[in-house]
Amino acid sequence: MPSVPSSRPAPRLALFAVAVCVLAVVAAVVSFVQGSWLGVVWILMAGISSNMAWFYVRRTKLEREAAQAEAPTTA
């Protein structure tokens, strides 16, 4: 039986993006300490992955707010 994909993949993607961001920053520091300018590429990757993490967190928050707004409230 095939597994059903998660209905909420955004938080997991945000965590992966944060992990990539942290690893890219560490790689940049190591690269600069060793005297290599390759660290610039790692800094750029850290920037992209941090933007991805921010996007997924924000999207999840907006989806949650939209779902709460659509839910009927009983008074």
Protein backbone atom coordinates (compact mmCIF):
# COMPACT_ATOMS: atom_id res chain seq x y z
CA MET A 1 0.00 0.00 0.00
CA PRO A 2 1.53 3.38 -0.98
CA SER A 3 2.09 5.83 1.80
CA VAL A 4 -0.03 8.95 1.91
CA PRO A 5 2.03 12.12 1.62
CA SER A 6 1.90 14.47 4.56
CA SER A 7 -0.67 17.22 4.30
CA ARG A 8 1.74 19.64 6.01
CA PRO A 9 5.16 19.41 4.30
CA ALA A 10 5.98 23.11 4.77
CA PRO A 11 7.25 22.91 8.39
CA ARG A 12 9.53 20.03 7.44
CA LEU A 13 10.86 21.97 4.44
CA ALA A 14 11.46 24.98 6.66
CA LEU A 15 13.50 22.84 9.06
CA PHE A 16 15.54 21.43 6.18
CA ALA A 17 16.18 24.95 4.88
CA VAL A 18 17.32 26.10 8.32
CA ALA A 19 19.65 23.10 8.55
CA VAL A 20 21.13 23.92 5.14
CA CYS A 21 21.54 27.54 6.20
CA VAL A 22 23.41 26.60 9.38
CA LEU A 23 25.64 24.15 7.53
CA ALA A 24 26.38 26.72 4.82
CA VAL A 25 27.40 29.30 7.43
CA VAL A 26 29.69 26.76 9.10
CA ALA A 27 31.19 25.85 5.72
CA ALA A 28 31.73 29.54 4.95
CA VAL A 29 33.53 30.13 8.24
CA VAL A 30 35.75 27.10 7.70
CA SER A 31 36.46 28.19 4.15
CA PHE A 32 37.42 31.73 5.17
CA VAL A 33 39.56 30.47 8.05
CA GLN A 34 41.47 28.30 5.58
CA GLY A 35 42.04 31.37 3.41
CA SER A 36 39.74 30.37 0.55
CA TRP A 37 37.39 32.80 -1.14
CA LEU A 38 35.02 29.90 -1.82
CA GLY A 39 33.27 30.99 1.37
CA VAL A 40 31.48 33.65 -0.67
CA VAL A 41 29.54 30.90 -2.43
CA TRP A 42 28.60 29.40 0.94
CA ILE A 43 27.38 32.81 2.17
CA LEU A 44 25.17 33.10 -0.90
CA MET A 45 23.78 29.61 -0.28
CA ALA A 46 23.08 30.54 3.34
CA GLY A 47 21.16 33.59 2.16
CA ILE A 48 19.04 31.61 -0.27
CA SER A 49 18.26 28.88 2.24
CA SER A 50 17.34 31.40 4.95
CA ASN A 51 14.93 33.04 2.52
CA MET A 52 13.43 29.64 1.75
CA ALA A 53 12.97 28.92 5.45
CA TRP A 54 11.31 32.29 5.99
CA PHE A 55 9.01 31.66 2.99
CA TYR A 56 7.87 28.25 4.24
CA VAL A 57 7.28 29.49 7.80
CA ARG A 58 5.31 32.48 6.55
CA ARG A 59 3.28 30.34 4.12
CA THR A 60 2.38 27.89 6.88
CA LYS A 61 1.30 30.73 9.13
CA LEU A 62 -0.89 32.26 6.42
CA GLU A 63 -2.47 28.89 5.60
CA ARG A 64 -3.23 28.30 9.27
CA GLU A 65 -4.83 31.74 9.59
CA ALA A 66 -6.89 31.17 6.44
CA ALA A 67 -8.10 27.80 7.73
CA GLN A 68 -9.15 29.39 11.03
CA ALA A 69 -10.97 32.17 9.19
CA GLU A 70 -12.89 29.66 7.07
CA ALA A 71 -13.87 27.50 10.02
CA PRO A 72 -17.36 28.30 11.23
CA THR A 73 -17.46 29.65 14.74
CA THR A 74 -20.20 28.53 17.06
CA ALA A 75 -21.45 31.15 19.44
